[in-house]
PDB file of N, CA and C in Angstrom:
ATOM      1  N   MET A   1      14.222   2.470   9.447  1.00  0.00           N
ATOM      2  CA  MET A   1      14.148   1.449   8.969  1.00  0.00           C
ATOM      3  C   MET A   1      15.015   1.926   7.568  1.00  0.00           C
ATOM      4  N   GLY A   2      15.930   1.004   7.177  1.00  0.00           N
ATOM      5  CA  GLY A   2      16.603   1.170   5.925  1.00  0.00           C
ATOM      6  C   GLY A   2      15.778   1.143   4.740  1.00  0.00           C
ATOM      7  N   ILE A   3      16.412   1.626   3.771  1.00  0.00           N
ATOM      8  CA  ILE A   3      15.690   1.654   2.198  1.00  0.00           C
ATOM      9  C   ILE A   3      15.264   0.132   1.717  1.00  0.00           C
ATOM     10  N   ILE A   4      16.271  -0.687   1.959  1.00  0.00           N
ATOM     11  CA  ILE A   4      15.722  -1.924   1.401  1.00  0.00           C
ATOM     12  C   ILE A   4      14.782  -2.480   2.039  1.00  0.00           C
ATOM     13  N   SER A   5      14.970  -2.483   3.341  1.00  0.00           N
ATOM     14  CA  SER A   5      13.805  -3.120   4.449  1.00  0.00           C
ATOM     15  C   SER A   5      12.621  -2.599   4.127  1.00  0.00           C
ATOM     16  N   PHE A   6      12.514  -1.159   3.753  1.00  0.00           N
ATOM     17  CA  PHE A   6      11.228  -0.380   3.356  1.00  0.00           C
ATOM     18  C   PHE A   6      10.591  -0.768   2.018  1.00  0.00           C
ATOM     19  N   LEU A   7      11.589  -1.146   1.551  1.00  0.00           N
ATOM     20  CA  LEU A   7      11.190  -1.609  -0.091  1.00  0.00           C
ATOM     21  C   LEU A   7      10.660  -2.803   0.061  1.00  0.00           C
ATOM     22  N   ILE A   8      11.322  -3.751   0.791  1.00  0.00           N
ATOM     23  CA  ILE A   8      10.544  -5.483   1.082  1.00  0.00           C
ATOM     24  C   ILE A   8       9.289  -5.050   1.841  1.00  0.00           C
ATOM     25  N   PHE A   9       9.315  -4.366   3.003  1.00  0.00           N
ATOM     26  CA  PHE A   9       7.852  -3.980   3.437  1.00  0.00           C
ATOM     27  C   PHE A   9       6.749  -3.742   2.874  1.00  0.00           C
ATOM     28  N   GLY A  10       7.197  -2.803   1.842  1.00  0.00           N
ATOM     29  CA  GLY A  10       6.368  -2.316   0.801  1.00  0.00           C
ATOM     30  C   GLY A  10       5.784  -3.186   0.010  1.00  0.00           C
ATOM     31  N   LEU A  11       6.796  -4.103  -0.660  1.00  0.00           N
ATOM     32  CA  LEU A  11       6.292  -5.236  -1.466  1.00  0.00           C
ATOM     33  C   LEU A  11       5.311  -6.138  -0.896  1.00  0.00           C
ATOM     34  N   ILE A  12       5.676  -6.499   0.546  1.00  0.00           N
ATOM     35  CA  ILE A  12       5.042  -7.572   1.080  1.00  0.00           C
ATOM     36  C   ILE A  12       3.626  -6.759   1.492  1.00  0.00           C
ATOM     37  N   ALA A  13       3.422  -5.506   1.947  1.00  0.00           N
ATOM     38  CA  ALA A  13       1.969  -5.022   2.176  1.00  0.00           C
ATOM     39  C   ALA A  13       1.343  -4.935   0.670  1.00  0.00           C
ATOM     40  N   GLY A  14       1.953  -4.462  -0.423  1.00  0.00           N
ATOM     41  CA  GLY A  14       1.366  -4.648  -1.728  1.00  0.00           C
ATOM     42  C   GLY A  14       0.874  -5.770  -1.937  1.00  0.00           C
ATOM     43  N   VAL A  15       1.653  -7.049  -1.936  1.00  0.00           N
ATOM     44  CA  VAL A  15       0.995  -8.229  -1.878  1.00  0.00           C
ATOM     45  C   VAL A  15      -0.282  -8.625  -1.141  1.00  0.00           C
ATOM     46  N   VAL A  16       0.009  -8.344   0.011  1.00  0.00           N
ATOM     47  CA  VAL A  16      -1.104  -8.466   0.873  1.00  0.00           C
ATOM     48  C   VAL A  16      -2.713  -7.888   0.399  1.00  0.00           C
ATOM     49  N   ALA A  17      -2.311  -6.904   0.069  1.00  0.00           N
ATOM     50  CA  ALA A  17      -3.416  -5.693  -0.476  1.00  0.00           C
ATOM     51  C   ALA A  17      -3.990  -6.347  -1.830  1.00  0.00           C
ATOM     52  N   LYS A  18      -3.306  -6.944  -2.802  1.00  0.00           N
ATOM     53  CA  LYS A  18      -3.648  -7.337  -3.852  1.00  0.00           C
ATOM     54  C   LYS A  18      -4.511  -8.673  -3.292  1.00  0.00           C
ATOM     55  N   LEU A  19      -3.822  -9.498  -2.662  1.00  0.00           N
ATOM     56  CA  LEU A  19      -4.568 -10.724  -2.248  1.00  0.00           C
ATOM     57  C   LEU A  19      -5.889 -10.249  -1.455  1.00  0.00           C
ATOM     58  N   ILE A  20      -5.972  -9.307  -0.898  1.00  0.00           N
ATOM     59  CA  ILE A  20      -7.286  -8.861  -0.030  1.00  0.00           C
ATOM     60  C   ILE A  20      -8.480  -8.471  -0.969  1.00  0.00           C
ATOM     61  N   LEU A  21      -8.017  -7.633  -2.051  1.00  0.00           N
ATOM     62  CA  LEU A  21      -9.056  -7.337  -2.859  1.00  0.00           C
ATOM     63  C   LEU A  21      -9.484  -8.189  -3.634  1.00  0.00           C
ATOM     64  N   PRO A  22     -10.879  -7.922  -4.011  1.00  0.00           N
ATOM     65  CA  PRO A  22     -11.178  -9.049  -4.896  1.00  0.00           C
ATOM     66  C   PRO A  22     -11.183  -8.555  -6.556  1.00  0.00           C
ATOM     67  N   GLY A  23     -11.023  -9.595  -7.409  1.00  0.00           N
ATOM     68  CA  GLY A  23     -10.870  -9.277  -8.772  1.00  0.00           C
ATOM     69  C   GLY A  23      -9.421  -8.993  -9.290  1.00  0.00           C
ATOM     70  N   LYS A  24      -9.532  -8.582 -10.769  1.00  0.00           N
ATOM     71  CA  LYS A  24      -8.015  -8.157 -11.011  1.00  0.00           C
ATOM     72  C   LYS A  24      -7.381  -7.214 -10.866  1.00  0.00           C
ATOM     73  N   GLN A  25      -6.226  -6.671 -10.404  1.00  0.00           N
ATOM     74  CA  GLN A  25      -5.758  -5.374 -10.064  1.00  0.00           C
ATOM     75  C   GLN A  25      -4.645  -5.386 -11.190  1.00  0.00           C
ATOM     76  N   VAL A  26      -4.467  -3.896 -11.392  1.00  0.00           N
ATOM     77  CA  VAL A  26      -3.460  -3.456 -12.517  1.00  0.00           C
ATOM     78  C   VAL A  26      -2.123  -4.045 -12.163  1.00  0.00           C
ATOM     79  N   GLY A  27      -1.165  -4.253 -12.886  1.00  0.00           N
ATOM     80  CA  GLY A  27       0.317  -4.485 -12.811  1.00  0.00           C
ATOM     81  C   GLY A  27       0.868  -5.660 -12.362  1.00  0.00           C
ATOM     82  N   GLY A  28       2.179  -5.754 -12.432  1.00  0.00           N
ATOM     83  CA  GLY A  28       2.795  -7.003 -12.054  1.00  0.00           C
ATOM     84  C   GLY A  28       3.578  -6.616 -10.857  1.00  0.00           C
ATOM     85  N   TRP A  29       4.912  -7.583 -10.569  1.00  0.00           N
ATOM     86  CA  TRP A  29       5.356  -7.293  -9.292  1.00  0.00           C
ATOM     87  C   TRP A  29       6.116  -6.019  -8.985  1.00  0.00           C
ATOM     88  N   PHE A  30       6.428  -5.322 -10.253  1.00  0.00           N
ATOM     89  CA  PHE A  30       6.890  -3.801  -9.826  1.00  0.00           C
ATOM     90  C   PHE A  30       6.263  -2.758  -9.458  1.00  0.00           C
ATOM     91  N   LEU A  31       4.848  -3.007 -10.369  1.00  0.00           N
ATOM     92  CA  LEU A  31       3.735  -2.038  -9.805  1.00  0.00           C
ATOM     93  C   LEU A  31       3.213  -2.407  -8.348  1.00  0.00           C
ATOM     94  N   THR A  32       3.276  -3.469  -8.028  1.00  0.00           N
ATOM     95  CA  THR A  32       2.788  -4.056  -6.722  1.00  0.00           C
ATOM     96  C   THR A  32       3.936  -3.329  -5.851  1.00  0.00           C
ATOM     97  N   LEU A  33       5.365  -3.491  -6.061  1.00  0.00           N
ATOM     98  CA  LEU A  33       6.217  -2.710  -5.215  1.00  0.00           C
ATOM     99  C   LEU A  33       5.988  -1.229  -5.126  1.00  0.00           C
ATOM    100  N   ILE A  34       5.675  -0.515  -6.112  1.00  0.00           N
ATOM    101  CA  ILE A  34       5.355   0.854  -6.104  1.00  0.00           C
ATOM    102  C   ILE A  34       4.194   0.995  -5.237  1.00  0.00           C
ATOM    103  N   PHE A  35       3.096   0.359  -5.474  1.00  0.00           N
ATOM    104  CA  PHE A  35       1.922   0.847  -5.072  1.00  0.00           C
ATOM    105  C   PHE A  35       1.911   0.305  -3.341  1.00  0.00           C
ATOM    106  N   GLY A  36       2.829  -0.825  -3.189  1.00  0.00           N
ATOM    107  CA  GLY A  36       3.154  -1.178  -1.748  1.00  0.00           C
ATOM    108  C   GLY A  36       3.700  -0.014  -0.870  1.00  0.00           C
ATOM    109  N   VAL A  37       4.765   0.518  -1.571  1.00  0.00           N
ATOM    110  CA  VAL A  37       5.560   1.521  -0.994  1.00  0.00           C
ATOM    111  C   VAL A  37       4.780   3.075  -0.550  1.00  0.00           C
ATOM    112  N   ILE A  38       3.709   3.380  -1.727  1.00  0.00           N
ATOM    113  CA  ILE A  38       2.949   4.331  -1.567  1.00  0.00           C
ATOM    114  C   ILE A  38       2.372   3.884  -0.597  1.00  0.00           C
ATOM    115  N   GLY A  39       1.597   2.911  -0.513  1.00  0.00           N
ATOM    116  CA  GLY A  39       0.564   2.534   0.608  1.00  0.00           C
ATOM    117  C   GLY A  39       1.211   2.773   1.933  1.00  0.00           C
ATOM    118  N   ALA A  40       2.294   2.371   2.023  1.00  0.00           N
ATOM    119  CA  ALA A  40       3.155   2.027   3.363  1.00  0.00           C
ATOM    120  C   ALA A  40       3.220   3.936   3.827  1.00  0.00           C
ATOM    121  N   PHE A  41       3.604   4.773   2.930  1.00  0.00           N
ATOM    122  CA  PHE A  41       3.725   5.966   3.083  1.00  0.00           C
ATOM    123  C   PHE A  41       2.439   6.516   3.509  1.00  0.00           C
ATOM    124  N   LEU A  42       1.338   6.335   2.746  1.00  0.00           N
ATOM    125  CA  LEU A  42      -0.130   6.999   3.233  1.00  0.00           C
ATOM    126  C   LEU A  42      -0.463   6.255   4.357  1.00  0.00           C
ATOM    127  N   GLY A  43       0.066   4.968   4.777  1.00  0.00           N
ATOM    128  CA  GLY A  43      -0.653   4.366   5.971  1.00  0.00           C
ATOM    129  C   GLY A  43       0.196   4.844   7.092  1.00  0.00           C
ATOM    130  N   GLY A  44       1.642   5.188   7.109  1.00  0.00           N
ATOM    131  CA  GLY A  44       2.161   5.724   8.130  1.00  0.00           C
ATOM    132  C   GLY A  44       1.907   7.333   8.439  1.00  0.00           C
ATOM    133  N   PHE A  45       1.358   7.847   7.175  1.00  0.00           N
ATOM    134  CA  PHE A  45       1.110   9.198   7.222  1.00  0.00           C
ATOM    135  C   PHE A  45      -0.175   9.430   7.947  1.00  0.00           C
ATOM    136  N   ILE A  46      -1.201   8.566   7.778  1.00  0.00           N
ATOM    137  CA  ILE A  46      -2.690   8.367   8.080  1.00  0.00           C
ATOM    138  C   ILE A  46      -2.593   8.143   9.876  1.00  0.00           C
ATOM    139  N   GLY A  47      -1.495   6.957   9.889  1.00  0.00           N
ATOM    140  CA  GLY A  47      -1.391   6.453  11.417  1.00  0.00           C
ATOM    141  C   GLY A  47      -0.788   7.690  12.375  1.00  0.00           C
ATOM    142  N   SER A  48      -0.017   8.326  11.822  1.00  0.00           N
ATOM    143  CA  SER A  48       0.663   9.488  12.458  1.00  0.00           C
ATOM    144  C   SER A  48      -0.351  10.551  12.812  1.00  0.00           C
ATOM    145  N   LEU A  49      -1.191  10.902  12.079  1.00  0.00           N
ATOM    146  CA  LEU A  49      -2.341  11.583  12.298  1.00  0.00           C
ATOM    147  C   LEU A  49      -3.292  11.304  13.376  1.00  0.00           C
ATOM    148  N   ILE A  50      -3.590   9.949  13.131  1.00  0.00           N
ATOM    149  CA  ILE A  50      -4.805   9.400  14.146  1.00  0.00           C
ATOM    150  C   ILE A  50      -4.061   9.254  15.333  1.00  0.00           C
ATOM    151  N   PHE A  51      -3.078   8.531  15.517  1.00  0.00           N
ATOM    152  CA  PHE A  51      -2.621   7.842  16.776  1.00  0.00           C
ATOM    153  C   PHE A  51      -1.347   8.751  17.285  1.00  0.00           C
ATOM    154  N   LYS A  52      -0.997   9.801  16.734  1.00  0.00           N
ATOM    155  CA  LYS A  52       0.071  10.693  17.158  1.00  0.00           C
ATOM    156  C   LYS A  52       1.426   9.945  17.595  1.00  0.00           C
ATOM    157  N   GLN A  53       1.671   9.104  16.713  1.00  0.00           N
ATOM    158  CA  GLN A  53       2.802   8.437  17.153  1.00  0.00           C
ATOM    159  C   GLN A  53       3.636   8.164  15.725  1.00  0.00           C
ATOM    160  N   ASP A  54       5.213   7.829  15.794  1.00  0.00           N
ATOM    161  CA  ASP A  54       5.867   7.699  14.964  1.00  0.00           C
ATOM    162  C   ASP A  54       5.955   6.004  14.275  1.00  0.00           C
ATOM    163  N   PHE A  55       5.524   5.820  13.095  1.00  0.00           N
ATOM    164  CA  PHE A  55       5.332   4.505  12.664  1.00  0.00           C
ATOM    165  C   PHE A  55       6.348   4.011  11.649  1.00  0.00           C
ATOM    166  N   ALA A  56       7.690   4.618  12.189  1.00  0.00           N
ATOM    167  CA  ALA A  56       8.994   4.228  11.306  1.00  0.00           C
ATOM    168  C   ALA A  56       9.750   3.075  11.802  1.00  0.00           C
ATOM    169  N   THR A  57       9.261   1.880  12.437  1.00  0.00           N
ATOM    170  CA  THR A  57       9.685   0.839  12.717  1.00  0.00           C
ATOM    171  C   THR A  57       8.897  -0.200  12.139  1.00  0.00           C
ATOM    172  N   TRP A  58       9.399  -1.482  12.312  1.00  0.00           N
ATOM    173  CA  TRP A  58       8.745  -2.944  12.162  1.00  0.00           C
ATOM    174  C   TRP A  58       7.920  -3.390  13.165  1.00  0.00           C
ATOM    175  N   SER A  59       6.453  -3.095  12.911  1.00  0.00           N
ATOM    176  CA  SER A  59       5.588  -3.795  14.048  1.00  0.00           C
ATOM    177  C   SER A  59       4.442  -4.100  13.116  1.00  0.00           C
ATOM    178  N   ILE A  60       3.523  -4.938  13.929  1.00  0.00           N
ATOM    179  CA  ILE A  60       2.279  -5.304  13.272  1.00  0.00           C
ATOM    180  C   ILE A  60       1.315  -4.152  12.812  1.00  0.00           C
ATOM    181  N   ALA A  61       1.446  -3.047  13.971  1.00  0.00           N
ATOM    182  CA  ALA A  61       0.500  -1.754  13.676  1.00  0.00           C
ATOM    183  C   ALA A  61       1.160  -0.874  12.362  1.00  0.00           C
ATOM    184  N   ASN A  62       2.195  -1.000  12.120  1.00  0.00           N
ATOM    185  CA  ASN A  62       2.657  -0.483  10.965  1.00  0.00           C
ATOM    186  C   ASN A  62       2.501  -1.209   9.870  1.00  0.00           C
ATOM    187  N   PHE A  63       2.393  -2.432   9.693  1.00  0.00           N
ATOM    188  CA  PHE A  63       1.909  -3.407   8.756  1.00  0.00           C
ATOM    189  C   PHE A  63       0.782  -3.280   8.415  1.00  0.00           C
ATOM    190  N   LEU A  64      -0.156  -3.245   9.462  1.00  0.00           N
ATOM    191  CA  LEU A  64      -1.446  -3.227   9.218  1.00  0.00           C
ATOM    192  C   LEU A  64      -2.020  -1.961   8.551  1.00  0.00           C
ATOM    193  N   LEU A  65      -1.103  -0.361   8.966  1.00  0.00           N
ATOM    194  CA  LEU A  65      -1.570   0.414   8.429  1.00  0.00           C
ATOM    195  C   LEU A  65      -1.158   0.517   6.716  1.00  0.00           C
ATOM    196  N   SER A  66       0.293   0.059   6.713  1.00  0.00           N
ATOM    197  CA  SER A  66       0.883  -0.114   5.211  1.00  0.00           C
ATOM    198  C   SER A  66      -0.133  -0.928   4.388  1.00  0.00           C
ATOM    199  N   VAL A  67      -0.591  -2.027   4.739  1.00  0.00           N
ATOM    200  CA  VAL A  67      -1.558  -2.801   4.008  1.00  0.00           C
ATOM    201  C   VAL A  67      -2.984  -1.990   3.584  1.00  0.00           C
ATOM    202  N   VAL A  68      -3.586  -1.191   4.610  1.00  0.00           N
ATOM    203  CA  VAL A  68      -4.802  -0.196   4.553  1.00  0.00           C
ATOM    204  C   VAL A  68      -4.404   0.777   3.521  1.00  0.00           C
ATOM    205  N   GLY A  69      -3.303   1.506   3.650  1.00  0.00           N
ATOM    206  CA  GLY A  69      -2.817   2.393   2.586  1.00  0.00           C
ATOM    207  C   GLY A  69      -2.535   1.752   1.213  1.00  0.00           C
ATOM    208  N   ALA A  70      -1.929   0.690   1.180  1.00  0.00           N
ATOM    209  CA  ALA A  70      -1.922  -0.009  -0.399  1.00  0.00           C
ATOM    210  C   ALA A  70      -3.412  -0.460  -0.726  1.00  0.00           C
ATOM    211  N   ILE A  71      -4.033  -0.490   0.167  1.00  0.00           N
ATOM    212  CA  ILE A  71      -5.588  -1.101  -0.359  1.00  0.00           C
ATOM    213  C   ILE A  71      -6.185   0.309  -0.990  1.00  0.00           C
ATOM    214  N   ILE A  72      -6.033   1.328  -0.275  1.00  0.00           N
ATOM    215  CA  ILE A  72      -6.608   2.547  -0.849  1.00  0.00           C
ATOM    216  C   ILE A  72      -6.016   3.301  -2.148  1.00  0.00           C
ATOM    217  N   VAL A  73      -4.790   3.007  -2.064  1.00  0.00           N
ATOM    218  CA  VAL A  73      -3.942   3.189  -3.554  1.00  0.00           C
ATOM    219  C   VAL A  73      -4.226   2.520  -4.540  1.00  0.00           C
ATOM    220  N   LEU A  74      -4.723   0.862  -4.343  1.00  0.00           N
ATOM    221  CA  LEU A  74      -5.077   0.090  -5.318  1.00  0.00           C
ATOM    222  C   LEU A  74      -6.388   0.265  -5.759  1.00  0.00           C
ATOM    223  N   LEU A  75      -7.220   0.827  -4.899  1.00  0.00           N
ATOM    224  CA  LEU A  75      -8.841   1.263  -5.039  1.00  0.00           C
ATOM    225  C   LEU A  75      -8.700   2.553  -5.794  1.00  0.00           C
ATOM    226  N   ILE A  76      -7.986   3.769  -5.743  1.00  0.00           N
ATOM    227  CA  ILE A  76      -7.982   4.697  -6.363  1.00  0.00           C
ATOM    228  C   ILE A  76      -7.371   4.373  -7.859  1.00  0.00           C
ATOM    229  N   VAL A  77      -6.143   3.467  -7.983  1.00  0.00           N
ATOM    230  CA  VAL A  77      -5.670   3.195  -9.169  1.00  0.00           C
ATOM    231  C   VAL A  77      -6.620   2.388  -9.939  1.00  0.00           C
ATOM    232  N   GLY A  78      -7.510   1.392  -9.527  1.00  0.00           N
ATOM    233  CA  GLY A  78      -8.360   0.852 -10.113  1.00  0.00           C
ATOM    234  C   GLY A  78      -9.635   1.507 -10.820  1.00  0.00           C
ATOM    235  N   ALA A  79     -10.160   2.546  -9.770  1.00  0.00           N
ATOM    236  CA  ALA A  79     -11.131   3.392 -10.309  1.00  0.00           C
ATOM    237  C   ALA A  79     -10.598   4.380 -11.456  1.00  0.00           C
ATOM    238  N   LEU A  80      -9.338   4.764 -11.401  1.00  0.00           N
ATOM    239  CA  LEU A  80      -8.934   5.607 -12.453  1.00  0.00           C
ATOM    240  C   LEU A  80      -8.350   4.777 -13.764  1.00  0.00           C
ATOM    241  N   THR A  81      -8.203   3.755 -13.687  1.00  0.00           N
ATOM    242  CA  THR A  81      -8.094   2.726 -14.934  1.00  0.00           C
ATOM    243  C   THR A  81      -9.261   2.223 -15.657  1.00  0.00           C
ATOM    244  N   ARG A  82     -10.252   1.869 -14.761  1.00  0.00           N
ATOM    245  CA  ARG A  82     -11.483   1.385 -14.974  1.00  0.00           C
ATOM    246  C   ARG A  82     -12.479   2.274 -15.819  1.00  0.00           C
ATOM    247  N   ARG A  83     -12.191   3.804 -15.169  1.00  0.00           N
ATOM    248  CA  ARG A  83     -13.052   4.891 -15.862  1.00  0.00           C
ATOM    249  C   ARG A  83     -12.317   5.277 -16.910  1.00  0.00           C
ATOM    250  N   GLY A  84     -11.273   5.244 -17.213  1.00  0.00           N
ATOM    251  CA  GLY A  84     -10.473   5.395 -18.511  1.00  0.00           C
ATOM    252  C   GLY A  84     -10.631   4.477 -19.601  1.00  0.00           C
ATOM    253  N   SER A  85     -10.781   3.240 -19.031  1.00  0.00           N
ATOM    254  CA  SER A  85     -10.884   2.167 -20.296  1.00  0.00           C
ATOM    255  C   SER A  85     -12.395   2.197 -20.975  1.00  0.00           C
ATOM    256  N   ARG A  86     -13.202   2.974 -20.302  1.00  0.00           N
ATOM    257  CA  ARG A  86     -15.004   2.847 -20.626  1.00  0.00           C
ATOM    258  C   ARG A  86     -14.784   3.890 -21.715  1.00  0.00           C
ATOM    259  N   ALA A  87     -14.108   4.830 -22.026  1.00  0.00           N
ATOM    260  CA  ALA A  87     -14.312   5.720 -23.155  1.00  0.00           C
ATOM    261  C   ALA A  87     -14.225   5.426 -24.516  1.00  0.00           C
TER     262      ALA A  87
END
Protein backbone atom coordinates (compact mmCIF):
# COMPACT_ATOMS: atom_id res chain seq x y z
CA MET A 1 0.00 0.00 0.00
CA GLY A 2 1.44 3.38 -0.98
CA ILE A 3 1.82 6.24 1.47
CA ILE A 4 -1.02 8.31 -0.01
CA SER A 5 -3.44 5.39 0.00
CA PHE A 6 -2.36 4.54 3.56
CA LEU A 7 -3.09 8.12 4.67
CA ILE A 8 -6.51 8.04 3.00
CA PHE A 9 -7.18 4.65 4.59
CA GLY A 10 -6.17 6.03 8.00
CA LEU A 11 -8.35 9.11 7.56
CA ILE A 12 -11.39 6.98 6.71
CA ALA A 13 -10.69 4.64 9.65
CA GLY A 14 -10.32 7.65 11.99
CA VAL A 15 -13.59 9.19 10.80
CA VAL A 16 -15.46 5.90 11.25
CA ALA A 17 -13.95 5.48 14.72
CA LYS A 18 -15.06 9.02 15.67
CA LEU A 19 -18.57 8.26 14.41
CA ILE A 20 -18.74 5.03 16.43
CA LEU A 21 -17.57 6.51 19.73
CA PRO A 22 -20.20 8.46 21.67
CA GLY A 23 -19.57 12.01 22.81
CA LYS A 24 -17.15 14.63 21.58
CA GLN A 25 -13.64 13.57 20.67
CA VAL A 26 -10.52 15.68 20.56
CA GLY A 27 -9.33 17.31 17.36
CA GLY A 28 -10.33 18.22 13.85
CA TRP A 29 -9.62 16.52 10.55
CA PHE A 30 -5.81 16.62 10.95
CA LEU A 31 -5.89 14.87 14.32
CA THR A 32 -8.45 12.46 12.90
CA LEU A 33 -5.91 11.63 10.18
CA ILE A 34 -3.12 11.19 12.72
CA PHE A 35 -5.23 9.03 15.05
CA GLY A 36 -6.52 7.00 12.11
CA VAL A 37 -3.01 6.31 10.82
CA ILE A 38 -1.78 5.39 14.30
CA GLY A 39 -4.88 3.22 14.69
CA ALA A 40 -4.20 1.55 11.34
CA PHE A 41 -0.68 0.71 12.48
CA LEU A 42 -1.98 -0.54 15.83
CA GLY A 43 -4.78 -2.56 14.23
CA GLY A 44 -2.42 -4.10 11.69
CA PHE A 45 0.07 -4.97 14.43
CA ILE A 46 -2.60 -6.56 16.62
CA GLY A 47 -4.04 -8.41 13.62
CA SER A 48 -0.65 -9.77 12.61
CA LEU A 49 -0.06 -11.03 16.16
CA ILE A 50 -3.46 -12.67 16.51
CA PHE A 51 -4.04 -14.02 13.01
CA LYS A 52 -0.42 -14.52 11.87
CA GLN A 53 -1.15 -12.75 8.55
CA ASP A 54 0.19 -9.74 6.71
CA PHE A 55 -2.36 -6.92 6.71
CA ALA A 56 -0.65 -4.61 4.20
CA THR A 57 -3.38 -4.57 1.53
CA TRP A 58 -6.87 -3.10 1.16
CA SER A 59 -9.41 -5.50 2.62
CA ILE A 60 -12.45 -5.53 4.87
CA ALA A 61 -10.48 -7.29 7.62
CA ASN A 62 -7.74 -4.68 7.42
CA PHE A 63 -10.28 -1.87 7.53
CA LEU A 64 -12.04 -3.33 10.58
CA LEU A 65 -8.73 -3.80 12.37
CA SER A 66 -7.78 -0.21 11.52
CA VAL A 67 -11.08 1.10 12.91
CA VAL A 68 -10.61 -0.93 16.10
CA GLY A 69 -7.07 0.43 16.41
CA ALA A 70 -8.32 4.00 15.88
CA ILE A 71 -11.02 3.49 18.53
CA ILE A 72 -8.35 2.31 20.97
CA VAL A 73 -6.21 5.36 20.18
CA LEU A 74 -9.19 7.72 20.58
CA LEU A 75 -10.13 6.13 23.92
CA ILE A 76 -6.56 6.52 25.20
CA VAL A 77 -6.32 10.14 24.03
CA GLY A 78 -9.76 10.89 25.49
CA ALA A 79 -8.81 9.41 28.84
CA LEU A 80 -5.56 11.38 28.94
CA THR A 81 -7.17 14.70 28.00
CA ARG A 82 -10.10 14.31 30.41
CA ARG A 83 -7.78 13.43 33.27
CA GLY A 84 -5.57 16.44 32.49
CA SER A 85 -8.47 18.91 32.34
CA ARG A 86 -9.80 18.02 35.82
CA ALA A 87 -6.73 19.38 37.61
